[in-house]
């Protein structure tokens, strides 16, 4: 794996415009004069780097629509999941398993699940079935004794996207919509990835090289916008990297798994 480090002061985003990428219309070029807040420290090629990536201490789990593929950190492919899937989204590693948001997008009515991957058998099965919960599940993460799940809407309806909190018996214990400051930055798409980092909620959108920092409001049901961070990934699902303390994500246009560290 390419792990060449670069000083934060000279790290610049170099993503290519969608027009250069043929049908890959989701690649967007950021301001090349602005250093990234989250800069790339390593990468490797993975043909399946379409939806998301997650990691444990030794292995990386790369998500495409219908499967999860296991790689080591040097980019060697170790195997792929068995078990049917239609539209896997983000991935989250916890308690020895990989949990993936799954939906029937773009079919209606929406159906959403959390799928779980056993990284030893590579069997992919259903962990929790939401049925039609009022949106398409794009990411789900566990924090303490709660699951946080994002149900997305698209186009003119993307303001209806919401974050729901569930207890361990899947009773909903809270619901929040996303702030206008974040929605106005993502166009017609929605929020494709999210993680908790301390008390900050970092979320990505579908195709921009940045992360949005949000937090729970002290009152009301709209998440608070804190900041926008430039990041050398191309949206989609991302996750915490337990081996480095940074992040892992994808460069979808170039079919890369990317490793990121905070530059400030």
C-alpha atoms as a PDB file:
ATOM      1  CA  UNK A   1       0.000   0.000   0.000  1.00  0.00           C
ATOM      2  CA  UNK A   2       1.211   3.463  -0.828  1.00  0.00           C
ATOM      3  CA  UNK A   3       1.697   5.156   2.553  1.00  0.00           C
ATOM      4  CA  UNK A   4       3.886   8.092   1.505  1.00  0.00           C
ATOM      5  CA  UNK A   5       3.170  10.963   3.875  1.00  0.00           C
ATOM      6  CA  UNK A   6       2.907  14.598   2.837  1.00  0.00           C
ATOM      7  CA  UNK A   7       3.112  17.666   5.065  1.00  0.00           C
ATOM      8  CA  UNK A   8      -0.368  19.135   5.686  1.00  0.00           C
ATOM      9  CA  UNK A   9       0.756  22.549   4.400  1.00  0.00           C
ATOM     10  CA  UNK A  10       1.318  21.217   0.924  1.00  0.00           C
ATOM     11  CA  UNK A  11      -1.561  18.758   0.651  1.00  0.00           C
ATOM     12  CA  UNK A  12      -3.954  19.790  -2.093  1.00  0.00           C
ATOM     13  CA  UNK A  13      -7.064  18.031  -3.378  1.00  0.00           C
ATOM     14  CA  UNK A  14      -6.526  16.792  -6.894  1.00  0.00           C
ATOM     15  CA  UNK A  15      -9.821  15.145  -7.767  1.00  0.00           C
ATOM     16  CA  UNK A  16     -10.723  15.343 -11.447  1.00  0.00           C
ATOM     17  CA  UNK A  17     -13.805  16.973 -12.943  1.00  0.00           C
ATOM     18  CA  UNK A  18     -16.620  14.654 -13.917  1.00  0.00           C
ATOM     19  CA  UNK A  19     -16.221  15.522 -17.567  1.00  0.00           C
ATOM     20  CA  UNK A  20     -12.799  13.906 -17.552  1.00  0.00           C
ATOM     21  CA  UNK A  21     -14.241  10.725 -16.100  1.00  0.00           C
ATOM     22  CA  UNK A  22     -16.720   9.875 -18.845  1.00  0.00           C
ATOM     23  CA  UNK A  23     -19.861   8.508 -17.234  1.00  0.00           C
ATOM     24  CA  UNK A  24     -18.527   9.033 -13.710  1.00  0.00           C
ATOM     25  CA  UNK A  25     -20.523  12.195 -13.217  1.00  0.00           C
ATOM     26  CA  UNK A  26     -20.132  12.235  -9.445  1.00  0.00           C
ATOM     27  CA  UNK A  27     -16.478  13.428  -9.344  1.00  0.00           C
ATOM     28  CA  UNK A  28     -16.276  17.102  -8.431  1.00  0.00           C
ATOM     29  CA  UNK A  29     -13.147  19.221  -8.366  1.00  0.00           C
ATOM     30  CA  UNK A  30     -12.602  21.168  -5.136  1.00  0.00           C
ATOM     31  CA  UNK A  31     -10.722  24.436  -4.804  1.00  0.00           C
ATOM     32  CA  UNK A  32      -7.168  23.401  -5.679  1.00  0.00           C
ATOM     33  CA  UNK A  33      -5.708  26.307  -3.715  1.00  0.00           C
ATOM     34  CA  UNK A  34      -7.093  25.120  -0.384  1.00  0.00           C
ATOM     35  CA  UNK A  35      -5.282  22.435   1.641  1.00  0.00           C
ATOM     36  CA  UNK A  36      -7.426  19.501   2.721  1.00  0.00           C
ATOM     37  CA  UNK A  37      -8.480  19.193   6.350  1.00  0.00           C
ATOM     38  CA  UNK A  38      -8.456  15.407   5.896  1.00  0.00           C
ATOM     39  CA  UNK A  39      -5.499  14.495   3.709  1.00  0.00           C
ATOM     40  CA  UNK A  40      -4.646  11.215   2.048  1.00  0.00           C
ATOM     41  CA  UNK A  41      -1.836   9.170   3.594  1.00  0.00           C
ATOM     42  CA  UNK A  42      -2.266   5.950   1.628  1.00  0.00           C
ATOM     43  CA  UNK A  43      -4.338   4.174  -0.990  1.00  0.00           C
ATOM     44  CA  UNK A  44      -4.707   0.940  -2.938  1.00  0.00           C
ATOM     45  CA  UNK A  45      -6.696  -0.127  -5.988  1.00  0.00           C
ATOM     46  CA  UNK A  46      -9.921  -2.060  -5.364  1.00  0.00           C
ATOM     47  CA  UNK A  47     -12.291  -2.677  -8.265  1.00  0.00           C
ATOM     48  CA  UNK A  48     -15.216  -2.819  -5.819  1.00  0.00           C
ATOM     49  CA  UNK A  49     -14.623   0.660  -4.334  1.00  0.00           C
ATOM     50  CA  UNK A  50     -18.034   1.943  -5.369  1.00  0.00           C
ATOM     51  CA  UNK A  51     -20.043   2.451  -2.186  1.00  0.00           C
ATOM     52  CA  UNK A  52     -17.870   2.431   0.937  1.00  0.00           C
ATOM     53  CA  UNK A  53     -14.962   1.032   2.914  1.00  0.00           C
ATOM     54  CA  UNK A  54     -14.484   0.062   6.551  1.00  0.00           C
ATOM     55  CA  UNK A  55     -11.647  -1.604   8.450  1.00  0.00           C
ATOM     56  CA  UNK A  56     -10.534  -3.554  11.474  1.00  0.00           C
ATOM     57  CA  UNK A  57      -6.940  -3.604  12.727  1.00  0.00           C
ATOM     58  CA  UNK A  58      -5.695  -5.875   9.928  1.00  0.00           C
ATOM     59  CA  UNK A  59      -8.222  -5.956   7.102  1.00  0.00           C
ATOM     60  CA  UNK A  60     -10.248  -3.620   4.925  1.00  0.00           C
ATOM     61  CA  UNK A  61     -13.828  -4.313   3.823  1.00  0.00           C
ATOM     62  CA  UNK A  62     -14.747  -2.728   0.492  1.00  0.00           C
ATOM     63  CA  UNK A  63     -18.418  -2.350  -0.377  1.00  0.00           C
ATOM     64  CA  UNK A  64     -20.039  -2.394  -3.783  1.00  0.00           C
ATOM     65  CA  UNK A  65     -23.769  -2.727  -4.491  1.00  0.00           C
ATOM     66  CA  UNK A  66     -24.139  -6.468  -4.037  1.00  0.00           C
ATOM     67  CA  UNK A  67     -21.126  -7.662  -2.038  1.00  0.00           C
ATOM     68  CA  UNK A  68     -18.378  -6.901   0.443  1.00  0.00           C
ATOM     69  CA  UNK A  69     -14.794  -7.779  -0.448  1.00  0.00           C
ATOM     70  CA  UNK A  70     -12.037  -8.379   2.098  1.00  0.00           C
ATOM     71  CA  UNK A  71      -8.538  -6.996   1.482  1.00  0.00           C
ATOM     72  CA  UNK A  72      -5.461  -6.760   3.621  1.00  0.00           C
ATOM     73  CA  UNK A  73      -3.911  -3.340   4.119  1.00  0.00           C
ATOM     74  CA  UNK A  74      -1.429  -3.896   1.293  1.00  0.00           C
ATOM     75  CA  UNK A  75      -4.252  -4.360  -1.214  1.00  0.00           C
ATOM     76  CA  UNK A  76      -4.234  -8.169  -1.433  1.00  0.00           C
ATOM     77  CA  UNK A  77      -7.708  -9.567  -2.046  1.00  0.00           C
ATOM     78  CA  UNK A  78      -8.738 -12.261   0.454  1.00  0.00           C
ATOM     79  CA  UNK A  79     -12.306 -13.061  -0.547  1.00  0.00           C
ATOM     80  CA  UNK A  80     -15.833 -11.788  -1.071  1.00  0.00           C
ATOM     81  CA  UNK A  81     -19.143 -12.136   0.681  1.00  0.00           C
ATOM     82  CA  UNK A  82     -21.725 -14.783  -0.029  1.00  0.00           C
ATOM     83  CA  UNK A  83     -25.416 -14.041   0.311  1.00  0.00           C
ATOM     84  CA  UNK A  84     -27.661 -11.935  -1.908  1.00  0.00           C
ATOM     85  CA  UNK A  85     -27.709  -8.130  -1.701  1.00  0.00           C
ATOM     86  CA  UNK A  86     -29.204  -5.394  -3.880  1.00  0.00           C
ATOM     87  CA  UNK A  87     -27.966  -1.984  -2.713  1.00  0.00           C
ATOM     88  CA  UNK A  88     -25.382  -2.046   0.054  1.00  0.00           C
ATOM     89  CA  UNK A  89     -24.271   1.379   1.208  1.00  0.00           C
ATOM     90  CA  UNK A  90     -21.927   2.240   4.055  1.00  0.00           C
ATOM     91  CA  UNK A  91     -20.087  -0.186   6.343  1.00  0.00           C
ATOM     92  CA  UNK A  92     -19.273  -0.118  10.052  1.00  0.00           C
ATOM     93  CA  UNK A  93     -17.012  -2.516  11.967  1.00  0.00           C
ATOM     94  CA  UNK A  94     -17.973  -3.331  15.565  1.00  0.00           C
ATOM     95  CA  UNK A  95     -17.845  -6.299  17.939  1.00  0.00           C
ATOM     96  CA  UNK A  96     -15.999  -8.429  15.378  1.00  0.00           C
ATOM     97  CA  UNK A  97     -18.531  -7.986  12.573  1.00  0.00           C
ATOM     98  CA  UNK A  98     -19.106  -5.655   9.618  1.00  0.00           C
ATOM     99  CA  UNK A  99     -22.528  -4.001   9.542  1.00  0.00           C
ATOM    100  CA  UNK A 100     -23.782  -2.581   6.235  1.00  0.00           C
ATOM    101  CA  UNK A 101     -26.743  -0.362   5.466  1.00  0.00           C
ATOM    102  CA  UNK A 102     -28.853  -2.022   2.775  1.00  0.00           C
ATOM    103  CA  UNK A 103     -31.902  -0.863   0.810  1.00  0.00           C
ATOM    104  CA  UNK A 104     -33.923  -1.651  -2.298  1.00  0.00           C
ATOM    105  CA  UNK A 105     -33.166   1.808  -3.770  1.00  0.00           C
ATOM    106  CA  UNK A 106     -34.489   3.060  -6.194  1.00  0.00           C
ATOM    107  CA  UNK A 107     -37.565   0.872  -5.848  1.00  0.00           C
ATOM    108  CA  UNK A 108     -40.709   2.036  -4.061  1.00  0.00           C
ATOM    109  CA  UNK A 109     -41.884   1.579  -1.408  1.00  0.00           C
ATOM    110  CA  UNK A 110     -38.492   1.743   0.277  1.00  0.00           C
ATOM    111  CA  UNK A 111     -37.287  -1.231   2.259  1.00  0.00           C
ATOM    112  CA  UNK A 112     -34.245  -0.959   4.496  1.00  0.00           C
ATOM    113  CA  UNK A 113     -32.116  -3.379   6.492  1.00  0.00           C
ATOM    114  CA  UNK A 114     -28.847  -3.605   8.307  1.00  0.00           C
ATOM    115  CA  UNK A 115     -26.905  -6.529   6.891  1.00  0.00           C
ATOM    116  CA  UNK A 116     -24.110  -8.171   8.905  1.00  0.00           C
ATOM    117  CA  UNK A 117     -20.952  -9.789   7.556  1.00  0.00           C
ATOM    118  CA  UNK A 118     -19.000 -12.441   9.448  1.00  0.00           C
ATOM    119  CA  UNK A 119     -15.421 -11.614   8.360  1.00  0.00           C
ATOM    120  CA  UNK A 120     -14.292 -15.212   8.931  1.00  0.00           C
ATOM    121  CA  UNK A 121     -16.958 -17.076   6.943  1.00  0.00           C
ATOM    122  CA  UNK A 122     -17.677 -14.022   4.724  1.00  0.00           C
ATOM    123  CA  UNK A 123     -21.360 -14.862   5.003  1.00  0.00           C
ATOM    124  CA  UNK A 124     -23.636 -11.826   4.626  1.00  0.00           C
ATOM    125  CA  UNK A 125     -27.011 -11.987   6.345  1.00  0.00           C
ATOM    126  CA  UNK A 126     -29.788  -9.810   7.751  1.00  0.00           C
ATOM    127  CA  UNK A 127     -29.112  -8.236  11.152  1.00  0.00           C
ATOM    128  CA  UNK A 128     -32.221  -6.036  11.396  1.00  0.00           C
ATOM    129  CA  UNK A 129     -35.109  -5.467   8.982  1.00  0.00           C
ATOM    130  CA  UNK A 130     -36.748  -2.021   9.159  1.00  0.00           C
ATOM    131  CA  UNK A 131     -39.236  -2.713   6.406  1.00  0.00           C
ATOM    132  CA  UNK A 132     -40.539   0.584   5.023  1.00  0.00           C
ATOM    133  CA  UNK A 133     -39.303   3.135   7.557  1.00  0.00           C
ATOM    134  CA  UNK A 134     -39.892   6.257   5.502  1.00  0.00           C
ATOM    135  CA  UNK A 135     -36.642   6.467   3.563  1.00  0.00           C
ATOM    136  CA  UNK A 136     -33.682   4.498   2.197  1.00  0.00           C
ATOM    137  CA  UNK A 137     -31.109   3.519   4.810  1.00  0.00           C
ATOM    138  CA  UNK A 138     -27.695   4.880   3.775  1.00  0.00           C
ATOM    139  CA  UNK A 139     -25.644   4.470   6.948  1.00  0.00           C
ATOM    140  CA  UNK A 140     -25.930   2.955  10.400  1.00  0.00           C
ATOM    141  CA  UNK A 141     -23.458   3.078  13.278  1.00  0.00           C
ATOM    142  CA  UNK A 142     -23.515   1.837  16.849  1.00  0.00           C
ATOM    143  CA  UNK A 143     -22.486   4.172  19.671  1.00  0.00           C
ATOM    144  CA  UNK A 144     -22.663   3.068  23.298  1.00  0.00           C
ATOM    145  CA  UNK A 145     -26.074   1.426  23.669  1.00  0.00           C
ATOM    146  CA  UNK A 146     -27.752   2.959  20.640  1.00  0.00           C
ATOM    147  CA  UNK A 147     -27.884   2.603  16.867  1.00  0.00           C
ATOM    148  CA  UNK A 148     -27.874   5.763  14.747  1.00  0.00           C
ATOM    149  CA  UNK A 149     -29.419   5.306  11.301  1.00  0.00           C
ATOM    150  CA  UNK A 150     -29.793   7.722   8.391  1.00  0.00           C
ATOM    151  CA  UNK A 151     -32.846   7.329   6.147  1.00  0.00           C
ATOM    152  CA  UNK A 152     -32.328   9.243   2.918  1.00  0.00           C
ATOM    153  CA  UNK A 153     -34.559  11.031   0.435  1.00  0.00           C
ATOM    154  CA  UNK A 154     -33.381  12.438  -2.882  1.00  0.00           C
ATOM    155  CA  UNK A 155     -34.085  15.186  -5.371  1.00  0.00           C
ATOM    156  CA  UNK A 156     -36.481  17.896  -4.233  1.00  0.00           C
ATOM    157  CA  UNK A 157     -37.374  15.704  -1.243  1.00  0.00           C
ATOM    158  CA  UNK A 158     -33.874  15.348   0.229  1.00  0.00           C
ATOM    159  CA  UNK A 159     -34.720  17.789   3.017  1.00  0.00           C
ATOM    160  CA  UNK A 160     -36.867  14.931   4.396  1.00  0.00           C
ATOM    161  CA  UNK A 161     -33.733  12.876   5.102  1.00  0.00           C
ATOM    162  CA  UNK A 162     -33.583  12.093   8.809  1.00  0.00           C
ATOM    163  CA  UNK A 163     -31.355  10.567  11.462  1.00  0.00           C
ATOM    164  CA  UNK A 164     -33.036   8.148  13.865  1.00  0.00           C
ATOM    165  CA  UNK A 165     -31.669   6.801  17.141  1.00  0.00           C
ATOM    166  CA  UNK A 166     -32.712   3.355  18.353  1.00  0.00           C
ATOM    167  CA  UNK A 167     -32.139   1.514  21.601  1.00  0.00           C
ATOM    168  CA  UNK A 168     -30.829  -2.043  21.594  1.00  0.00           C
ATOM    169  CA  UNK A 169     -34.346  -3.421  21.183  1.00  0.00           C
ATOM    170  CA  UNK A 170     -34.954  -1.186  18.142  1.00  0.00           C
ATOM    171  CA  UNK A 171     -37.306   1.216  19.800  1.00  0.00           C
ATOM    172  CA  UNK A 172     -36.854   4.681  18.252  1.00  0.00           C
ATOM    173  CA  UNK A 173     -35.647   7.125  20.929  1.00  0.00           C
ATOM    174  CA  UNK A 174     -34.969  10.226  18.851  1.00  0.00           C
ATOM    175  CA  UNK A 175     -35.238  11.707  15.357  1.00  0.00           C
ATOM    176  CA  UNK A 176     -33.537  14.692  13.745  1.00  0.00           C
ATOM    177  CA  UNK A 177     -33.495  16.272  10.293  1.00  0.00           C
ATOM    178  CA  UNK A 178     -30.418  17.807   8.691  1.00  0.00           C
ATOM    179  CA  UNK A 179     -29.584  21.527   8.793  1.00  0.00           C
ATOM    180  CA  UNK A 180     -30.076  23.836   5.822  1.00  0.00           C
ATOM    181  CA  UNK A 181     -26.350  24.696   5.830  1.00  0.00           C
ATOM    182  CA  UNK A 182     -25.548  21.067   4.977  1.00  0.00           C
ATOM    183  CA  UNK A 183     -28.468  20.465   2.617  1.00  0.00           C
ATOM    184  CA  UNK A 184     -27.612  23.478   0.452  1.00  0.00           C
ATOM    185  CA  UNK A 185     -24.133  22.025  -0.147  1.00  0.00           C
ATOM    186  CA  UNK A 186     -25.170  18.584  -1.427  1.00  0.00           C
ATOM    187  CA  UNK A 187     -27.401  19.358  -4.401  1.00  0.00           C
ATOM    188  CA  UNK A 188     -30.114  16.796  -5.112  1.00  0.00           C
ATOM    189  CA  UNK A 189     -28.422  13.856  -3.416  1.00  0.00           C
ATOM    190  CA  UNK A 190     -28.336  12.899   0.261  1.00  0.00           C
ATOM    191  CA  UNK A 191     -25.968  11.853   3.060  1.00  0.00           C
ATOM    192  CA  UNK A 192     -24.112   8.661   2.157  1.00  0.00           C
ATOM    193  CA  UNK A 193     -21.908   8.112   5.199  1.00  0.00           C
ATOM    194  CA  UNK A 194     -21.666   9.070   8.833  1.00  0.00           C
ATOM    195  CA  UNK A 195     -19.677   8.344  11.982  1.00  0.00           C
ATOM    196  CA  UNK A 196     -19.415   9.686  15.499  1.00  0.00           C
ATOM    197  CA  UNK A 197     -16.031  11.146  16.384  1.00  0.00           C
ATOM    198  CA  UNK A 198     -16.292  12.172  20.002  1.00  0.00           C
ATOM    199  CA  UNK A 199     -19.343  14.406  20.257  1.00  0.00           C
ATOM    200  CA  UNK A 200     -19.065  15.411  16.597  1.00  0.00           C
ATOM    201  CA  UNK A 201     -21.100  13.715  13.895  1.00  0.00           C
ATOM    202  CA  UNK A 202     -19.159  13.635  10.624  1.00  0.00           C
ATOM    203  CA  UNK A 203     -21.244  12.980   7.503  1.00  0.00           C
ATOM    204  CA  UNK A 204     -20.437  12.719   3.805  1.00  0.00           C
ATOM    205  CA  UNK A 205     -22.608  13.269   0.782  1.00  0.00           C
ATOM    206  CA  UNK A 206     -22.796  11.364  -2.484  1.00  0.00           C
ATOM    207  CA  UNK A 207     -20.074  12.949  -4.571  1.00  0.00           C
ATOM    208  CA  UNK A 208     -18.170  15.866  -2.995  1.00  0.00           C
ATOM    209  CA  UNK A 209     -14.663  15.779  -1.472  1.00  0.00           C
ATOM    210  CA  UNK A 210     -15.706  17.057   1.933  1.00  0.00           C
ATOM    211  CA  UNK A 211     -17.188  16.102   5.283  1.00  0.00           C
ATOM    212  CA  UNK A 212     -19.790  18.015   7.269  1.00  0.00           C
ATOM    213  CA  UNK A 213     -19.407  18.276  11.021  1.00  0.00           C
ATOM    214  CA  UNK A 214     -22.729  18.303  12.868  1.00  0.00           C
ATOM    215  CA  UNK A 215     -23.854  17.909  16.469  1.00  0.00           C
ATOM    216  CA  UNK A 216     -27.030  17.155  18.350  1.00  0.00           C
ATOM    217  CA  UNK A 217     -29.032  20.271  19.206  1.00  0.00           C
ATOM    218  CA  UNK A 218     -29.562  21.328  22.798  1.00  0.00           C
ATOM    219  CA  UNK A 219     -33.228  21.687  21.871  1.00  0.00           C
ATOM    220  CA  UNK A 220     -35.368  21.017  18.840  1.00  0.00           C
ATOM    221  CA  UNK A 221     -35.156  18.320  16.182  1.00  0.00           C
ATOM    222  CA  UNK A 222     -32.705  19.784  13.638  1.00  0.00           C
ATOM    223  CA  UNK A 223     -29.032  18.836  13.795  1.00  0.00           C
ATOM    224  CA  UNK A 224     -26.671  21.776  14.278  1.00  0.00           C
ATOM    225  CA  UNK A 225     -24.142  22.628  11.568  1.00  0.00           C
ATOM    226  CA  UNK A 226     -20.612  23.114  12.936  1.00  0.00           C
ATOM    227  CA  UNK A 227     -18.192  23.154   9.991  1.00  0.00           C
ATOM    228  CA  UNK A 228     -17.342  21.880   6.527  1.00  0.00           C
ATOM    229  CA  UNK A 229     -14.044  20.023   6.112  1.00  0.00           C
ATOM    230  CA  UNK A 230     -12.250  19.403   2.826  1.00  0.00           C
ATOM    231  CA  UNK A 231     -11.365  15.706   2.524  1.00  0.00           C
ATOM    232  CA  UNK A 232      -9.438  13.721  -0.091  1.00  0.00           C
ATOM    233  CA  UNK A 233     -12.220  11.240  -0.816  1.00  0.00           C
ATOM    234  CA  UNK A 234     -15.197  11.401  -3.155  1.00  0.00           C
ATOM    235  CA  UNK A 235     -18.142  11.209  -0.822  1.00  0.00           C
ATOM    236  CA  UNK A 236     -19.925   7.882  -0.287  1.00  0.00           C
ATOM    237  CA  UNK A 237     -19.496   5.717   2.810  1.00  0.00           C
ATOM    238  CA  UNK A 238     -16.480   6.102   5.076  1.00  0.00           C
ATOM    239  CA  UNK A 239     -15.478   4.795   8.492  1.00  0.00           C
ATOM    240  CA  UNK A 240     -13.059   5.223  11.361  1.00  0.00           C
ATOM    241  CA  UNK A 241      -9.722   3.454  10.902  1.00  0.00           C
ATOM    242  CA  UNK A 242      -8.869   1.736  14.202  1.00  0.00           C
ATOM    243  CA  UNK A 243      -5.265   1.120  13.137  1.00  0.00           C
ATOM    244  CA  UNK A 244      -4.386   4.799  12.637  1.00  0.00           C
ATOM    245  CA  UNK A 245      -7.052   6.810  14.419  1.00  0.00           C
ATOM    246  CA  UNK A 246      -7.890   8.416  11.072  1.00  0.00           C
ATOM    247  CA  UNK A 247     -10.502   7.585   8.458  1.00  0.00           C
ATOM    248  CA  UNK A 248     -10.926   5.154   5.596  1.00  0.00           C
ATOM    249  CA  UNK A 249     -13.005   5.910   2.505  1.00  0.00           C
ATOM    250  CA  UNK A 250     -13.006   5.575  -1.258  1.00  0.00           C
ATOM    251  CA  UNK A 251     -12.089   7.491  -4.395  1.00  0.00           C
ATOM    252  CA  UNK A 252     -14.930   6.154  -6.491  1.00  0.00           C
ATOM    253  CA  UNK A 253     -13.856   7.532  -9.865  1.00  0.00           C
ATOM    254  CA  UNK A 254     -10.399   5.925  -9.591  1.00  0.00           C
ATOM    255  CA  UNK A 255     -11.556   2.738  -7.780  1.00  0.00           C
ATOM    256  CA  UNK A 256      -9.294   3.373  -4.795  1.00  0.00           C
ATOM    257  CA  UNK A 257      -9.503   2.701  -1.093  1.00  0.00           C
ATOM    258  CA  UNK A 258      -8.040   5.754   0.651  1.00  0.00           C
ATOM    259  CA  UNK A 259      -6.654   6.341   4.136  1.00  0.00           C
ATOM    260  CA  UNK A 260      -6.987   9.804   5.650  1.00  0.00           C
ATOM    261  CA  UNK A 261      -5.546  11.701   8.599  1.00  0.00           C
ATOM    262  CA  UNK A 262      -6.540  15.064  10.009  1.00  0.00           C
ATOM    263  CA  UNK A 263      -4.191  17.826   8.906  1.00  0.00           C
ATOM    264  CA  UNK A 264      -4.787  20.481  11.581  1.00  0.00           C
END
